[in-house]
Protein backbone atom coordinates (compact mmCIF):
# COMPACT_ATOMS: atom_id res chain seq x y z
CA UNK A 1 112.04 88.92 128.68
CA UNK A 2 111.13 88.22 125.04
CA UNK A 3 109.78 90.92 123.13
CA UNK A 4 106.78 90.44 121.48
CA UNK A 5 107.71 91.95 117.98
CA UNK A 6 109.94 91.05 115.72
CA UNK A 7 113.58 93.34 114.70
CA UNK A 8 115.04 91.52 111.65
CA UNK A 9 114.00 93.96 109.16
CA UNK A 10 113.49 97.66 108.90
CA UNK A 11 109.80 99.22 108.05
CA UNK A 12 108.40 102.58 107.50
CA UNK A 13 105.69 101.74 107.38
CA UNK A 14 105.13 103.54 110.77
CA UNK A 15 106.21 106.96 109.27
CA UNK A 16 103.16 106.65 106.43
CA UNK A 17 99.86 107.16 106.27
CA UNK A 18 97.35 104.00 106.19
CA UNK A 19 96.06 104.91 102.56
CA UNK A 20 100.47 104.80 101.91
CA UNK A 21 101.08 101.59 103.62
CA UNK A 22 97.90 99.27 102.15
CA UNK A 23 100.47 98.00 99.67
CA UNK A 24 104.03 97.39 99.82
CA UNK A 25 106.36 96.69 96.83
CA UNK A 26 108.49 94.66 99.29
CA UNK A 27 107.80 91.83 101.25
CA UNK A 28 106.71 92.36 104.92
CA UNK A 29 106.50 90.71 108.54
CA UNK A 30 104.76 91.66 110.91
CA UNK A 31 103.74 89.95 114.47
CA UNK A 32 99.81 89.37 115.24
CA UNK A 33 99.15 89.65 119.41
CA UNK A 34 95.75 87.91 119.78
CA UNK A 35 95.12 90.24 122.38
CA UNK A 36 93.32 93.98 122.83
CA UNK A 37 95.29 96.77 124.23
CA UNK A 38 91.91 97.66 126.20
CA UNK A 39 91.36 95.96 129.09
CA UNK A 40 88.88 93.24 129.57
CA UNK A 41 88.53 93.30 126.01
CA UNK A 42 88.94 90.88 123.11
CA UNK A 43 90.83 91.75 120.04
CA UNK A 44 94.21 91.74 118.95
CA UNK A 45 97.40 94.01 118.13
CA UNK A 46 99.39 93.87 114.99
CA UNK A 47 102.77 95.09 115.08
CA UNK A 48 105.41 96.07 112.25
CA UNK A 49 109.37 95.10 112.37
CA UNK A 50 110.38 98.10 114.59
CA UNK A 51 107.74 97.23 117.34
CA UNK A 52 104.61 99.95 115.94
CA UNK A 53 101.46 99.33 116.39
CA UNK A 54 99.64 99.44 112.62
CA UNK A 55 96.40 97.70 113.36
CA UNK A 56 94.16 96.87 115.91
CA UNK A 57 90.83 95.62 116.67
CA UNK A 58 88.98 96.30 120.29
CA UNK A 59 86.19 93.61 120.35
CA UNK A 60 84.40 95.56 123.33
CA UNK A 61 81.59 92.81 123.97
CA UNK A 62 82.18 88.97 124.24
CA UNK A 63 83.96 86.79 122.43
CA UNK A 64 82.66 85.82 118.54
CA UNK A 65 80.79 89.27 118.53
CA UNK A 66 79.04 89.51 115.37
CA UNK A 67 80.46 92.98 114.44
CA UNK A 68 83.95 94.35 114.80
CA UNK A 69 86.31 97.11 113.54
CA UNK A 70 89.44 96.60 111.74
CA UNK A 71 91.38 100.12 112.93
CA UNK A 72 94.59 101.72 112.27
CA UNK A 73 96.81 102.85 114.84
CA UNK A 74 95.18 106.71 115.26
CA UNK A 75 91.57 104.79 116.10
CA UNK A 76 90.17 105.19 112.00
CA UNK A 77 87.82 102.24 111.18
CA UNK A 78 89.82 100.73 108.68
CA UNK A 79 87.25 97.61 108.09
CA UNK A 80 83.62 96.45 109.23
CA UNK A 81 83.28 92.61 109.61
CA UNK A 82 79.63 91.31 110.49
CA UNK A 83 78.78 88.29 110.86
CA UNK A 84 75.78 87.65 108.26
CA UNK A 85 72.55 86.42 110.75
CA UNK A 86 70.58 84.70 107.67
CA UNK A 87 73.35 82.48 106.67
CA UNK A 88 75.84 79.70 109.25
CA UNK A 89 79.49 80.64 109.21
CA UNK A 90 79.21 83.76 106.82
CA UNK A 91 80.75 87.00 107.27
CA UNK A 92 81.45 90.21 105.34
CA UNK A 93 83.48 93.13 105.10
CA UNK A 94 83.40 96.72 104.83
CA UNK A 95 86.39 99.02 103.62
CA UNK A 96 86.21 102.33 104.73
CA UNK A 97 87.73 105.45 102.75
CA UNK A 98 88.17 109.25 103.57
CA UNK A 99 86.03 111.80 101.99
CA UNK A 100 86.66 115.30 100.91
CA UNK A 101 85.87 116.52 103.98
CA UNK A 102 88.33 114.14 105.89
CA UNK A 103 85.37 112.08 107.55
CA UNK A 104 85.48 108.55 106.81
CA UNK A 105 82.53 106.95 104.77
CA UNK A 106 81.63 102.93 105.07
CA UNK A 107 81.46 101.41 101.44
CA UNK A 108 78.15 100.11 100.38
CA UNK A 109 78.88 97.05 98.67
CA UNK A 110 80.87 94.55 100.60
CA UNK A 111 85.13 94.57 100.20
CA UNK A 112 84.61 90.51 100.84
CA UNK A 113 82.85 87.83 101.36
CA UNK A 114 84.29 84.85 103.63
CA UNK A 115 82.65 81.44 103.87
CA UNK A 116 83.20 78.84 106.23
CA UNK A 117 84.48 75.07 106.34
CA UNK A 118 84.50 73.07 108.90
CA UNK A 119 86.04 70.15 107.44
CA UNK A 120 89.46 69.52 105.60
CA UNK A 121 92.26 71.88 105.39
CA UNK A 122 90.48 74.82 104.29
CA UNK A 123 89.44 76.81 106.70
CA UNK A 124 87.15 79.47 104.79
CA UNK A 125 86.56 80.82 100.84
CA UNK A 126 86.93 84.10 100.26
CA UNK A 127 85.62 86.23 97.73
CA UNK A 128 87.40 89.61 96.81
CA UNK A 129 85.64 91.29 93.91
CA UNK A 130 86.40 89.11 91.05
CA UNK A 131 89.43 87.40 93.25
CA UNK A 132 89.15 83.95 94.73
CA UNK A 133 91.08 83.36 98.22
CA UNK A 134 90.99 80.57 100.78
CA UNK A 135 92.54 80.39 104.20
CA UNK A 136 94.52 77.00 105.62
CA UNK A 137 94.93 75.27 108.24
CA UNK A 138 98.63 74.98 109.17
CA UNK A 139 97.98 73.73 112.82
CA UNK A 140 100.22 70.59 113.61
CA UNK A 141 99.92 69.45 117.13
CA UNK A 142 100.48 72.08 120.13
CA UNK A 143 101.37 74.44 116.50
CA UNK A 144 98.88 76.78 115.15
CA UNK A 145 99.23 78.40 112.42
CA UNK A 146 97.65 79.12 109.03
CA UNK A 147 97.88 80.74 105.30
CA UNK A 148 96.24 82.54 102.55
CA UNK A 149 96.10 81.69 99.33
CA UNK A 150 94.90 82.41 95.68
CA UNK A 151 93.22 80.09 93.32
CA UNK A 152 96.54 79.21 91.97
CA UNK A 153 97.55 78.00 94.91
CA UNK A 154 100.48 80.70 95.67
CA UNK A 155 100.99 81.77 99.17
CA UNK A 156 99.94 85.65 99.79
CA UNK A 157 100.14 85.26 103.44
CA UNK A 158 102.05 82.85 106.23
CA UNK A 159 100.75 82.93 109.77
CA UNK A 160 102.44 80.60 112.01
CA UNK A 161 103.37 80.83 115.98
CA UNK A 162 106.14 83.62 116.52
CA UNK A 163 109.97 82.26 118.13
CA UNK A 164 112.14 85.06 119.79
CA UNK A 165 115.38 85.80 119.12
CA UNK A 166 117.17 82.84 121.02
CA UNK A 167 114.95 80.62 119.80
CA UNK A 168 111.92 80.16 122.23
CA UNK A 169 108.76 79.38 120.79
CA UNK A 170 106.04 82.18 122.30
CA UNK A 171 102.17 80.86 123.37
CA UNK A 172 100.01 80.29 120.37
CA UNK A 173 98.06 83.12 120.46
CA UNK A 174 101.40 85.58 119.41
CA UNK A 175 102.15 84.67 115.15
CA UNK A 176 104.71 86.14 112.84
CA UNK A 177 103.00 87.16 109.77
CA UNK A 178 105.05 87.44 106.40
CA UNK A 179 103.00 89.07 103.37
CA UNK A 180 104.27 88.97 100.04
CA UNK A 181 105.01 92.17 98.32
CA UNK A 182 102.04 93.24 96.18
CA UNK A 183 99.96 92.57 99.20
CA UNK A 184 97.05 94.69 99.94
CA UNK A 185 98.17 94.77 104.25
CA UNK A 186 94.84 96.09 105.63
CA UNK A 187 92.66 92.92 103.58
CA UNK A 188 95.05 90.66 105.05
CA UNK A 189 94.33 91.99 108.57
CA UNK A 190 90.70 91.84 108.18
CA UNK A 191 90.73 88.66 106.59
CA UNK A 192 93.04 87.42 110.14
CA UNK A 193 90.04 88.95 112.02
CA UNK A 194 87.69 86.87 110.47
CA UNK A 195 89.88 84.03 111.14
CA UNK A 196 90.18 84.87 114.92
CA UNK A 197 86.18 85.31 115.22
CA UNK A 198 85.68 81.43 113.29
CA UNK A 199 88.48 80.33 115.98
CA UNK A 200 87.04 81.91 119.02
CA UNK A 201 90.15 83.77 119.51
CA UNK A 202 88.83 87.19 120.04
């Protein structure tokens, strides 16, 4: 049976704290499985190249919940994603940080905002502070995929259906995710969570 996670390269993220692993100075490869580890729940699970879980989303409610949490392996909330009630197709993410007492506190101002588009190659536009990004669909036929690009059209993250080492294409809920060096991993995972909610995958 093919493993759901890759083994092509070494990774040290599993031995680092979450704050240390948010940005890497090298290209990284993850596997995103659009399944929750909790029975009868919706969500996704993210593995590093050694098969270690690094992020997870467990949406205990029905699919497409209005509020979900992106967590690290220890269950610490990294980001809360909320669907804006008075704006169609809009989400915002609120980042958490550790206080001096060790508690996790949600920042008041949104970390990012996402606006969905219903037509064209661009699935949604994203504003992160002064930075503008977008998610582009790459699905062809039954092949599922997408990429996150900056305003200059440079790809910062790309997800496509995973292939096993023997070349077998796995189902469209198992994705290989490539992140460029210098990318904030927790931001990309939060944006993928929004995209999964948009597509009804969690």
